[in-house]
Amino acid sequence: MSVKNITAYAEASTTTVPVMEVVMTGTSGHKKLALINEVYQNFFLYNPKKKMTRIEVRDKFGISRQALYDWQVNVIDPVPHDYAVIIRGEFYTKNGYRPTKTIRGLTIHQVFVFWLIYQVMKLVNTYKQAIPLLGRLLEVFTKEDFDTRFEAWKSNYSV
């Protein structure tokens, strides 16, 4: 393995390990809660706003607008697959959108979903491989849990 590949793997694994370990290891109890807390903490380190444009997401997270579009079309929108209801529900319905409507500005939770996709795409090669992983992540990182943690972070951050 070349040095370049080792460096890329090390960089990808340091961020994605807590994200993927939550769903891949089947851990439960305190260890799973600690991993979930670490994932949220890693996301909130970016100091995201409650509503963001795709340009702001690019500037803050380093995710291109084209990548966001590709992920929305190829990971979030395709149906049918086993996780279509979970993924589309978490991205659209729970954020007050319909899948056919144009989204003007992303909610903080939608940005979080894109960030999770970003973490998953560091480990897989195709969108088809990313879909089940994202679905399993969204079973753990629900919008309701995210909203609770965002409000707690926001109140601690503003003090």
C-alpha atoms as a PDB file:
ATOM      1  CA  MET A   1       0.000   0.000   0.000  1.00  0.00           C
ATOM      2  CA  SER A   2       1.441   3.336  -1.007  1.00  0.00           C
ATOM      3  CA  VAL A   3       1.950   6.194   1.458  1.00  0.00           C
ATOM      4  CA  LYS A   4      -0.763   8.183  -0.305  1.00  0.00           C
ATOM      5  CA  ASN A   5      -3.286   5.358   0.209  1.00  0.00           C
ATOM      6  CA  ILE A   6      -2.296   4.922   3.841  1.00  0.00           C
ATOM      7  CA  THR A   7      -2.704   8.657   4.488  1.00  0.00           C
ATOM      8  CA  ALA A   8      -6.089   8.749   2.763  1.00  0.00           C
ATOM      9  CA  TYR A   9      -7.233   5.713   4.748  1.00  0.00           C
ATOM     10  CA  ALA A  10      -6.010   7.208   8.024  1.00  0.00           C
ATOM     11  CA  GLU A  11      -7.740  10.529   7.333  1.00  0.00           C
ATOM     12  CA  ALA A  12     -10.996   8.822   6.348  1.00  0.00           C
ATOM     13  CA  SER A  13     -10.991   6.405   9.243  1.00  0.00           C
ATOM     14  CA  THR A  14     -10.388   8.976  11.984  1.00  0.00           C
ATOM     15  CA  THR A  15     -13.616  10.805  11.173  1.00  0.00           C
ATOM     16  CA  THR A  16     -15.779   7.931  10.047  1.00  0.00           C
ATOM     17  CA  VAL A  17     -14.921   5.335  12.678  1.00  0.00           C
ATOM     18  CA  PRO A  18     -17.442   6.562  15.262  1.00  0.00           C
ATOM     19  CA  VAL A  19     -20.099   7.017  12.577  1.00  0.00           C
ATOM     20  CA  MET A  20     -19.712   3.564  11.111  1.00  0.00           C
ATOM     21  CA  GLU A  21     -18.969   1.757  14.352  1.00  0.00           C
ATOM     22  CA  VAL A  22     -22.420   2.734  15.617  1.00  0.00           C
ATOM     23  CA  VAL A  23     -24.105   0.619  12.966  1.00  0.00           C
ATOM     24  CA  MET A  24     -21.442  -1.882  11.970  1.00  0.00           C
ATOM     25  CA  THR A  25     -20.546  -3.365  15.327  1.00  0.00           C
ATOM     26  CA  GLY A  26     -24.015  -3.698  16.788  1.00  0.00           C
ATOM     27  CA  THR A  27     -22.713  -2.270  20.034  1.00  0.00           C
ATOM     28  CA  SER A  28     -25.247  -1.348  22.641  1.00  0.00           C
ATOM     29  CA  GLY A  29     -25.452   0.367  25.979  1.00  0.00           C
ATOM     30  CA  HIS A  30     -22.873   2.874  27.157  1.00  0.00           C
ATOM     31  CA  LYS A  31     -20.407   2.259  24.315  1.00  0.00           C
ATOM     32  CA  LYS A  32     -23.051   2.916  21.658  1.00  0.00           C
ATOM     33  CA  LEU A  33     -24.237   6.045  23.482  1.00  0.00           C
ATOM     34  CA  ALA A  34     -20.646   7.301  23.686  1.00  0.00           C
ATOM     35  CA  LEU A  35     -20.192   6.711  19.942  1.00  0.00           C
ATOM     36  CA  ILE A  36     -23.448   8.499  19.143  1.00  0.00           C
ATOM     37  CA  ASN A  37     -22.388  11.437  21.313  1.00  0.00           C
ATOM     38  CA  GLU A  38     -19.037  11.537  19.521  1.00  0.00           C
ATOM     39  CA  VAL A  39     -20.712  11.627  16.102  1.00  0.00           C
ATOM     40  CA  TYR A  40     -22.933  14.540  17.125  1.00  0.00           C
ATOM     41  CA  GLN A  41     -19.968  16.322  18.702  1.00  0.00           C
ATOM     42  CA  ASN A  42     -17.937  15.915  15.481  1.00  0.00           C
ATOM     43  CA  PHE A  43     -20.791  17.410  13.456  1.00  0.00           C
ATOM     44  CA  PHE A  44     -21.397  20.319  15.834  1.00  0.00           C
ATOM     45  CA  LEU A  45     -17.679  21.206  15.757  1.00  0.00           C
ATOM     46  CA  TYR A  46     -18.434  22.748  12.359  1.00  0.00           C
ATOM     47  CA  ASN A  47     -20.730  25.241  14.120  1.00  0.00           C
ATOM     48  CA  PRO A  48     -23.566  24.832  11.599  1.00  0.00           C
ATOM     49  CA  LYS A  49     -26.428  27.296  11.225  1.00  0.00           C
ATOM     50  CA  LYS A  50     -30.079  26.310  11.582  1.00  0.00           C
ATOM     51  CA  LYS A  51     -30.705  26.920   7.862  1.00  0.00           C
ATOM     52  CA  MET A  52     -27.931  26.811   5.252  1.00  0.00           C
ATOM     53  CA  THR A  53     -27.580  27.216   1.511  1.00  0.00           C
ATOM     54  CA  ARG A  54     -25.623  24.686  -0.495  1.00  0.00           C
ATOM     55  CA  ILE A  55     -22.882  27.285  -0.927  1.00  0.00           C
ATOM     56  CA  GLU A  56     -22.631  27.688   2.863  1.00  0.00           C
ATOM     57  CA  VAL A  57     -22.445  23.898   3.216  1.00  0.00           C
ATOM     58  CA  ARG A  58     -19.615  23.883   0.672  1.00  0.00           C
ATOM     59  CA  ASP A  59     -17.729  26.604   2.527  1.00  0.00           C
ATOM     60  CA  LYS A  60     -18.236  25.178   6.015  1.00  0.00           C
ATOM     61  CA  PHE A  61     -17.996  21.413   5.384  1.00  0.00           C
ATOM     62  CA  GLY A  62     -15.967  21.282   2.170  1.00  0.00           C
ATOM     63  CA  ILE A  63     -18.678  19.348   0.321  1.00  0.00           C
ATOM     64  CA  SER A  64     -19.198  20.587  -3.224  1.00  0.00           C
ATOM     65  CA  ARG A  65     -22.609  21.616  -4.491  1.00  0.00           C
ATOM     66  CA  GLN A  66     -22.319  18.955  -7.187  1.00  0.00           C
ATOM     67  CA  ALA A  67     -21.680  16.256  -4.566  1.00  0.00           C
ATOM     68  CA  LEU A  68     -24.776  17.381  -2.634  1.00  0.00           C
ATOM     69  CA  TYR A  69     -26.830  17.203  -5.814  1.00  0.00           C
ATOM     70  CA  ASP A  70     -25.413  13.780  -6.751  1.00  0.00           C
ATOM     71  CA  TRP A  71     -26.078  12.398  -3.268  1.00  0.00           C
ATOM     72  CA  GLN A  72     -29.617  13.728  -3.262  1.00  0.00           C
ATOM     73  CA  VAL A  73     -30.339  12.169  -6.668  1.00  0.00           C
ATOM     74  CA  ASN A  74     -28.445   8.890  -6.189  1.00  0.00           C
ATOM     75  CA  VAL A  75     -28.661   8.129  -2.461  1.00  0.00           C
ATOM     76  CA  ILE A  76     -31.691   9.964  -1.050  1.00  0.00           C
ATOM     77  CA  ASP A  77     -34.160   9.935  -3.952  1.00  0.00           C
ATOM     78  CA  PRO A  78     -33.871   6.542  -5.686  1.00  0.00           C
ATOM     79  CA  VAL A  79     -36.701   4.114  -5.090  1.00  0.00           C
ATOM     80  CA  PRO A  80     -37.424   1.312  -4.553  1.00  0.00           C
ATOM     81  CA  HIS A  81     -34.949  -0.020  -2.056  1.00  0.00           C
ATOM     82  CA  ASP A  82     -35.239  -1.328   1.492  1.00  0.00           C
ATOM     83  CA  TYR A  83     -34.367   1.991   3.116  1.00  0.00           C
ATOM     84  CA  ALA A  84     -36.335   4.360   0.833  1.00  0.00           C
ATOM     85  CA  VAL A  85     -39.009   5.130   3.441  1.00  0.00           C
ATOM     86  CA  ILE A  86     -36.468   5.812   6.197  1.00  0.00           C
ATOM     87  CA  ILE A  87     -34.099   7.917   4.086  1.00  0.00           C
ATOM     88  CA  ARG A  88     -36.754   9.953   2.296  1.00  0.00           C
ATOM     89  CA  GLY A  89     -38.763  10.347   5.498  1.00  0.00           C
ATOM     90  CA  GLU A  90     -35.775  11.647   7.447  1.00  0.00           C
ATOM     91  CA  PHE A  91     -34.619  13.954   4.651  1.00  0.00           C
ATOM     92  CA  TYR A  92     -37.921  15.281   3.314  1.00  0.00           C
ATOM     93  CA  THR A  93     -41.031  14.519   5.352  1.00  0.00           C
ATOM     94  CA  LYS A  94     -39.684  15.139   8.849  1.00  0.00           C
ATOM     95  CA  ASN A  95     -38.223  18.447   7.642  1.00  0.00           C
ATOM     96  CA  GLY A  96     -41.539  19.596   6.181  1.00  0.00           C
ATOM     97  CA  TYR A  97     -40.750  18.978   2.501  1.00  0.00           C
ATOM     98  CA  ARG A  98     -42.203  16.775  -0.206  1.00  0.00           C
ATOM     99  CA  PRO A  99     -39.760  14.858  -2.390  1.00  0.00           C
ATOM    100  CA  THR A 100     -41.031  16.542  -5.562  1.00  0.00           C
ATOM    101  CA  LYS A 101     -40.635  20.105  -4.278  1.00  0.00           C
ATOM    102  CA  THR A 102     -37.546  22.229  -4.877  1.00  0.00           C
ATOM    103  CA  ILE A 103     -35.629  22.791  -1.656  1.00  0.00           C
ATOM    104  CA  ARG A 104     -34.585  26.390  -1.030  1.00  0.00           C
ATOM    105  CA  GLY A 105     -32.055  26.267   1.765  1.00  0.00           C
ATOM    106  CA  LEU A 106     -31.287  23.179   3.810  1.00  0.00           C
ATOM    107  CA  THR A 107     -32.410  22.634   7.376  1.00  0.00           C
ATOM    108  CA  ILE A 108     -29.743  21.778   9.918  1.00  0.00           C
ATOM    109  CA  HIS A 109     -30.999  18.179   9.952  1.00  0.00           C
ATOM    110  CA  GLN A 110     -30.743  17.894   6.165  1.00  0.00           C
ATOM    111  CA  VAL A 111     -27.182  19.177   6.391  1.00  0.00           C
ATOM    112  CA  PHE A 112     -26.542  16.474   9.018  1.00  0.00           C
ATOM    113  CA  VAL A 113     -27.912  13.809   6.634  1.00  0.00           C
ATOM    114  CA  PHE A 114     -25.572  15.074   3.903  1.00  0.00           C
ATOM    115  CA  TRP A 115     -22.694  15.027   6.399  1.00  0.00           C
ATOM    116  CA  LEU A 116     -23.518  11.397   7.232  1.00  0.00           C
ATOM    117  CA  ILE A 117     -23.484  10.582   3.514  1.00  0.00           C
ATOM    118  CA  TYR A 118     -20.119  12.336   3.281  1.00  0.00           C
ATOM    119  CA  GLN A 119     -18.784  10.068   6.045  1.00  0.00           C
ATOM    120  CA  VAL A 120     -20.226   6.942   4.403  1.00  0.00           C
ATOM    121  CA  MET A 121     -18.839   7.836   0.971  1.00  0.00           C
ATOM    122  CA  LYS A 122     -15.321   7.877   2.436  1.00  0.00           C
ATOM    123  CA  LEU A 123     -15.680   4.150   3.034  1.00  0.00           C
ATOM    124  CA  VAL A 124     -17.642   2.853   0.055  1.00  0.00           C
ATOM    125  CA  ASN A 125     -17.171   3.031  -3.696  1.00  0.00           C
ATOM    126  CA  THR A 126     -20.724   3.280  -5.023  1.00  0.00           C
ATOM    127  CA  TYR A 127     -23.988   4.987  -4.185  1.00  0.00           C
ATOM    128  CA  LYS A 128     -25.658   1.581  -4.099  1.00  0.00           C
ATOM    129  CA  GLN A 129     -23.325   0.554  -1.257  1.00  0.00           C
ATOM    130  CA  ALA A 130     -24.009   3.823   0.581  1.00  0.00           C
ATOM    131  CA  ILE A 131     -27.810   3.474   0.672  1.00  0.00           C
ATOM    132  CA  PRO A 132     -28.107   0.637   3.231  1.00  0.00           C
ATOM    133  CA  LEU A 133     -25.416   2.178   5.443  1.00  0.00           C
ATOM    134  CA  LEU A 134     -27.173   5.538   5.422  1.00  0.00           C
ATOM    135  CA  GLY A 135     -30.490   3.832   6.129  1.00  0.00           C
ATOM    136  CA  ARG A 136     -29.042   2.063   9.147  1.00  0.00           C
ATOM    137  CA  LEU A 137     -27.440   5.302  10.355  1.00  0.00           C
ATOM    138  CA  LEU A 138     -30.743   7.154  10.081  1.00  0.00           C
ATOM    139  CA  GLU A 139     -32.418   4.467  12.169  1.00  0.00           C
ATOM    140  CA  VAL A 140     -30.004   5.484  14.944  1.00  0.00           C
ATOM    141  CA  PHE A 141     -29.695   9.219  14.232  1.00  0.00           C
ATOM    142  CA  THR A 142     -33.368  10.179  13.958  1.00  0.00           C
ATOM    143  CA  LYS A 143     -34.573  13.729  13.415  1.00  0.00           C
ATOM    144  CA  GLU A 144     -36.198  13.754  16.837  1.00  0.00           C
ATOM    145  CA  ASP A 145     -32.950  12.794  18.563  1.00  0.00           C
ATOM    146  CA  PHE A 146     -31.032  15.247  16.394  1.00  0.00           C
ATOM    147  CA  ASP A 147     -33.395  18.108  17.286  1.00  0.00           C
ATOM    148  CA  THR A 148     -32.977  17.394  20.997  1.00  0.00           C
ATOM    149  CA  ARG A 149     -29.203  17.335  20.705  1.00  0.00           C
ATOM    150  CA  PHE A 150     -29.131  20.433  18.502  1.00  0.00           C
ATOM    151  CA  GLU A 151     -31.166  22.425  21.017  1.00  0.00           C
ATOM    152  CA  ALA A 152     -28.886  21.256  23.846  1.00  0.00           C
ATOM    153  CA  TRP A 153     -25.779  22.168  21.821  1.00  0.00           C
ATOM    154  CA  LYS A 154     -27.227  25.529  20.866  1.00  0.00           C
ATOM    155  CA  SER A 155     -28.068  26.412  24.476  1.00  0.00           C
ATOM    156  CA  ASN A 156     -24.592  25.369  25.661  1.00  0.00           C
ATOM    157  CA  TYR A 157     -22.878  27.075  22.751  1.00  0.00           C
ATOM    158  CA  SER A 158     -24.636  30.417  23.197  1.00  0.00           C
ATOM    159  CA  VAL A 159     -23.841  30.648  26.921  1.00  0.00           C
END
